[in-house]
Each structure stands twice: as C-alpha cells, then as structure tokens.
Amino acid sequence: MPAEVTVLALAALLQVLQIVLMAVPANAELGPRTTMGPRDPQDHAHDNPYMMMSRRTGRLHRAMNNHFEGLILFTIAVVVVTLGNAASPLTAGCAWLYLAARVLYVPAYAFGWSPWRSIFWTIGLAATCVMIVLALL
C-alpha cells in the first residue's frame, strides 16, 4: 500500500478518535435528552446545545469539524497522487507531515495554544497543497 494511502487510513482513524474525544464529554455535559434527541430548533428555543458545552468540549467539537474539512482536501490529494502515479518520497513526506500537524492540532485547539493551532493548521494545508501540485506536474 502506498504511504499516502496508509496515512489516509490513519487520518480517518484520527477523525474517529476526535469524534470520541468530543462525544464523550458532550454527552456528559448536555445529557441524553439533547444528544440523543432530534435536535430540533424549537426544543432549544433559547439555547444552541453546542453553546451549552464547556469551552474545551466546544473546542474539541470545532477541531473535529475542522478535520472533516481538512480530510476532504487531503483525501483528494491522496487520490490524485495515487491514481496519477505521482507518489514519491516527497508526497509521502507531505502525507506524514499532514498527519503529524493534524495530531498536534487537536491538543493545540483543545487547550487554546495560540498561535500553534493556526500554525499546525497551516502546515497541514500546505502539505496537502504540495501533494496536489506535485501530482499535477
């Protein structure tokens, strides 16, 4: 299996871990009526349930959603590199760099490490973009 595909699988597992890291405290904080319910707006006329989470759980929620967005682009990069037969040590290195940046992004966001959260996000995006550009060359 190409390194880029291996990293994609690991990035997907990171996403699952982020879901768990967010869901466990969110369920404890919001209660089953909210988290297991249909989340209709009229049930929470005055409060958005996500605004009722603690600061850290809210950050974990936003980090999880951000990784969904980043994972879309990274998946495109891996597909383009793999199907375009453009895999190289540089694209593999970029894939590993993406994963490392995304792993570091989670605690950086959760604990409010500024400006590190933005730096890790930028590194992950840059690594993804380099992979796509290299596949096109």
C-alpha atoms as a PDB file:
ATOM      1  CA  MET A   1       0.000   0.000   0.000  1.00  0.00           C
ATOM      2  CA  PRO A   2       1.412   3.416  -0.886  1.00  0.00           C
ATOM      3  CA  ALA A   3       2.489   5.505   2.102  1.00  0.00           C
ATOM      4  CA  GLU A   4      -0.046   8.194   1.196  1.00  0.00           C
ATOM      5  CA  VAL A   5      -2.911   5.690   1.399  1.00  0.00           C
ATOM      6  CA  THR A   6      -1.614   4.366   4.730  1.00  0.00           C
ATOM      7  CA  VAL A   7      -1.571   7.902   6.091  1.00  0.00           C
ATOM      8  CA  LEU A   8      -5.093   8.482   4.769  1.00  0.00           C
ATOM      9  CA  ALA A   9      -6.293   5.431   6.708  1.00  0.00           C
ATOM     10  CA  LEU A  10      -4.555   6.728   9.841  1.00  0.00           C
ATOM     11  CA  ALA A  11      -6.072  10.185   9.309  1.00  0.00           C
ATOM     12  CA  ALA A  12      -9.511   8.568   9.140  1.00  0.00           C
ATOM     13  CA  LEU A  13      -8.812   6.803  12.437  1.00  0.00           C
ATOM     14  CA  LEU A  14      -7.723  10.151  13.885  1.00  0.00           C
ATOM     15  CA  GLN A  15     -11.114  11.516  12.841  1.00  0.00           C
ATOM     16  CA  VAL A  16     -12.865   8.685  14.684  1.00  0.00           C
ATOM     17  CA  LEU A  17     -10.742   9.410  17.759  1.00  0.00           C
ATOM     18  CA  GLN A  18     -11.708  13.079  17.552  1.00  0.00           C
ATOM     19  CA  ILE A  19     -15.383  12.128  17.405  1.00  0.00           C
ATOM     20  CA  VAL A  20     -14.967  10.081  20.584  1.00  0.00           C
ATOM     21  CA  LEU A  21     -12.927  12.800  22.318  1.00  0.00           C
ATOM     22  CA  MET A  22     -15.733  15.264  21.637  1.00  0.00           C
ATOM     23  CA  ALA A  23     -18.765  12.985  22.048  1.00  0.00           C
ATOM     24  CA  VAL A  24     -17.961  11.588  25.486  1.00  0.00           C
ATOM     25  CA  PRO A  25     -17.788  14.947  27.294  1.00  0.00           C
ATOM     26  CA  ALA A  26     -20.564  16.413  25.117  1.00  0.00           C
ATOM     27  CA  ASN A  27     -22.909  13.604  26.138  1.00  0.00           C
ATOM     28  CA  ALA A  28     -21.977  14.067  29.794  1.00  0.00           C
ATOM     29  CA  GLU A  29     -22.449  17.836  29.628  1.00  0.00           C
ATOM     30  CA  LEU A  30     -25.594  18.048  27.511  1.00  0.00           C
ATOM     31  CA  GLY A  31     -27.371  14.899  28.676  1.00  0.00           C
ATOM     32  CA  PRO A  32     -29.033  12.165  26.636  1.00  0.00           C
ATOM     33  CA  ARG A  33     -32.242  14.138  26.032  1.00  0.00           C
ATOM     34  CA  THR A  34     -30.225  16.619  23.989  1.00  0.00           C
ATOM     35  CA  THR A  35     -27.599  14.397  22.392  1.00  0.00           C
ATOM     36  CA  MET A  36     -29.916  11.519  21.520  1.00  0.00           C
ATOM     37  CA  GLY A  37     -32.852  13.704  20.531  1.00  0.00           C
ATOM     38  CA  PRO A  38     -33.657  15.092  17.083  1.00  0.00           C
ATOM     39  CA  ARG A  39     -32.010  18.448  17.935  1.00  0.00           C
ATOM     40  CA  ASP A  40     -34.959  20.391  16.574  1.00  0.00           C
ATOM     41  CA  PRO A  41     -34.547  24.164  16.952  1.00  0.00           C
ATOM     42  CA  GLN A  42     -37.839  24.575  18.832  1.00  0.00           C
ATOM     43  CA  ASP A  43     -36.566  22.185  21.529  1.00  0.00           C
ATOM     44  CA  HIS A  44     -33.791  24.664  22.272  1.00  0.00           C
ATOM     45  CA  ALA A  45     -35.503  27.942  21.532  1.00  0.00           C
ATOM     46  CA  HIS A  46     -33.189  29.926  23.786  1.00  0.00           C
ATOM     47  CA  ASP A  47     -30.003  27.915  23.648  1.00  0.00           C
ATOM     48  CA  ASN A  48     -27.975  26.265  20.963  1.00  0.00           C
ATOM     49  CA  PRO A  49     -26.980  22.936  22.589  1.00  0.00           C
ATOM     50  CA  TYR A  50     -23.433  23.364  21.303  1.00  0.00           C
ATOM     51  CA  MET A  51     -23.216  26.706  23.090  1.00  0.00           C
ATOM     52  CA  MET A  52     -24.066  24.884  26.325  1.00  0.00           C
ATOM     53  CA  MET A  53     -20.910  22.746  26.176  1.00  0.00           C
ATOM     54  CA  SER A  54     -17.846  23.636  28.190  1.00  0.00           C
ATOM     55  CA  ARG A  55     -15.147  25.665  26.492  1.00  0.00           C
ATOM     56  CA  ARG A  56     -12.869  22.640  25.983  1.00  0.00           C
ATOM     57  CA  THR A  57     -15.648  20.395  24.650  1.00  0.00           C
ATOM     58  CA  GLY A  58     -16.695  23.176  22.273  1.00  0.00           C
ATOM     59  CA  ARG A  59     -13.105  23.426  21.068  1.00  0.00           C
ATOM     60  CA  LEU A  60     -12.965  19.652  20.552  1.00  0.00           C
ATOM     61  CA  HIS A  61     -16.193  19.918  18.564  1.00  0.00           C
ATOM     62  CA  ARG A  62     -14.736  22.654  16.353  1.00  0.00           C
ATOM     63  CA  ALA A  63     -11.452  20.744  15.931  1.00  0.00           C
ATOM     64  CA  MET A  64     -13.403  17.659  14.866  1.00  0.00           C
ATOM     65  CA  ASN A  65     -15.394  19.642  12.304  1.00  0.00           C
ATOM     66  CA  ASN A  66     -12.227  21.306  11.056  1.00  0.00           C
ATOM     67  CA  HIS A  67     -10.617  17.918  10.474  1.00  0.00           C
ATOM     68  CA  PHE A  68     -13.617  16.822   8.414  1.00  0.00           C
ATOM     69  CA  GLU A  69     -12.899  19.829   6.180  1.00  0.00           C
ATOM     70  CA  GLY A  70      -9.154  19.177   6.028  1.00  0.00           C
ATOM     71  CA  LEU A  71      -9.677  15.471   5.463  1.00  0.00           C
ATOM     72  CA  ILE A  72     -11.692  16.177   2.328  1.00  0.00           C
ATOM     73  CA  LEU A  73      -8.787  18.025   0.721  1.00  0.00           C
ATOM     74  CA  PHE A  74      -6.235  15.512   1.984  1.00  0.00           C
ATOM     75  CA  THR A  75      -8.297  12.655   0.542  1.00  0.00           C
ATOM     76  CA  ILE A  76      -8.359  14.444  -2.817  1.00  0.00           C
ATOM     77  CA  ALA A  77      -4.577  14.863  -2.615  1.00  0.00           C
ATOM     78  CA  VAL A  78      -4.058  11.166  -1.873  1.00  0.00           C
ATOM     79  CA  VAL A  79      -6.401  10.103  -4.679  1.00  0.00           C
ATOM     80  CA  VAL A  80      -4.734  12.424  -7.197  1.00  0.00           C
ATOM     81  CA  VAL A  81      -1.239  11.316  -6.182  1.00  0.00           C
ATOM     82  CA  THR A  82      -2.158   7.631  -6.170  1.00  0.00           C
ATOM     83  CA  LEU A  83      -4.245   7.490  -9.355  1.00  0.00           C
ATOM     84  CA  GLY A  84      -1.851   9.824 -11.134  1.00  0.00           C
ATOM     85  CA  ASN A  85       1.089   7.561 -10.301  1.00  0.00           C
ATOM     86  CA  ALA A  86       2.778  10.594  -8.783  1.00  0.00           C
ATOM     87  CA  ALA A  87       3.787   9.044  -5.464  1.00  0.00           C
ATOM     88  CA  SER A  88       7.295   9.961  -4.394  1.00  0.00           C
ATOM     89  CA  PRO A  89       9.277  10.307  -1.207  1.00  0.00           C
ATOM     90  CA  LEU A  90       8.209  13.976  -1.177  1.00  0.00           C
ATOM     91  CA  THR A  91       4.481  13.204  -1.438  1.00  0.00           C
ATOM     92  CA  ALA A  92       4.859  10.519   1.242  1.00  0.00           C
ATOM     93  CA  GLY A  93       6.681  13.014   3.456  1.00  0.00           C
ATOM     94  CA  CYS A  94       3.931  15.571   2.903  1.00  0.00           C
ATOM     95  CA  ALA A  95       1.320  12.971   3.846  1.00  0.00           C
ATOM     96  CA  TRP A  96       3.116  12.168   7.100  1.00  0.00           C
ATOM     97  CA  LEU A  97       3.569  15.894   7.758  1.00  0.00           C
ATOM     98  CA  TYR A  98      -0.178  16.412   7.277  1.00  0.00           C
ATOM     99  CA  LEU A  99      -0.952  13.676   9.799  1.00  0.00           C
ATOM    100  CA  ALA A 100       1.557  14.986  12.343  1.00  0.00           C
ATOM    101  CA  ALA A 101       0.141  18.503  12.008  1.00  0.00           C
ATOM    102  CA  ARG A 102      -3.423  17.235  12.451  1.00  0.00           C
ATOM    103  CA  VAL A 103      -2.473  15.185  15.514  1.00  0.00           C
ATOM    104  CA  LEU A 104      -0.820  18.253  17.075  1.00  0.00           C
ATOM    105  CA  TYR A 105      -3.772  20.429  16.067  1.00  0.00           C
ATOM    106  CA  VAL A 106      -6.161  18.591  18.413  1.00  0.00           C
ATOM    107  CA  PRO A 107      -4.459  19.431  21.726  1.00  0.00           C
ATOM    108  CA  ALA A 108      -3.467  22.853  20.380  1.00  0.00           C
ATOM    109  CA  TYR A 109      -7.126  23.656  19.782  1.00  0.00           C
ATOM    110  CA  ALA A 110      -8.413  21.924  22.927  1.00  0.00           C
ATOM    111  CA  PHE A 111      -6.003  23.769  25.210  1.00  0.00           C
ATOM    112  CA  GLY A 112      -6.044  27.092  23.366  1.00  0.00           C
ATOM    113  CA  TRP A 113      -2.391  27.056  22.324  1.00  0.00           C
ATOM    114  CA  SER A 114      -2.174  30.222  20.294  1.00  0.00           C
ATOM    115  CA  PRO A 115      -0.727  30.672  17.702  1.00  0.00           C
ATOM    116  CA  TRP A 116       0.181  26.949  17.487  1.00  0.00           C
ATOM    117  CA  ARG A 117      -3.298  25.858  16.480  1.00  0.00           C
ATOM    118  CA  SER A 118      -3.130  28.102  13.405  1.00  0.00           C
ATOM    119  CA  ILE A 119       0.455  27.077  12.660  1.00  0.00           C
ATOM    120  CA  PHE A 120      -0.428  23.357  12.736  1.00  0.00           C
ATOM    121  CA  TRP A 121      -3.491  24.018  10.566  1.00  0.00           C
ATOM    122  CA  THR A 122      -1.337  25.896   8.032  1.00  0.00           C
ATOM    123  CA  ILE A 123       1.271  23.123   7.939  1.00  0.00           C
ATOM    124  CA  GLY A 124      -1.417  20.518   7.240  1.00  0.00           C
ATOM    125  CA  LEU A 125      -2.975  22.603   4.482  1.00  0.00           C
ATOM    126  CA  ALA A 126       0.397  23.399   2.918  1.00  0.00           C
ATOM    127  CA  ALA A 127       1.411  19.725   2.908  1.00  0.00           C
ATOM    128  CA  THR A 128      -1.894  18.853   1.229  1.00  0.00           C
ATOM    129  CA  CYS A 129      -1.457  21.565  -1.415  1.00  0.00           C
ATOM    130  CA  VAL A 130       2.102  20.475  -2.175  1.00  0.00           C
ATOM    131  CA  MET A 131       0.866  16.928  -2.781  1.00  0.00           C
ATOM    132  CA  ILE A 132      -1.775  18.151  -5.230  1.00  0.00           C
ATOM    133  CA  VAL A 133       0.655  20.404  -7.085  1.00  0.00           C
ATOM    134  CA  LEU A 134       3.267  17.640  -7.322  1.00  0.00           C
ATOM    135  CA  ALA A 135       0.635  15.288  -8.761  1.00  0.00           C
ATOM    136  CA  LEU A 136      -0.159  17.853 -11.445  1.00  0.00           C
ATOM    137  CA  LEU A 137       3.472  18.352 -12.510  1.00  0.00           C
END
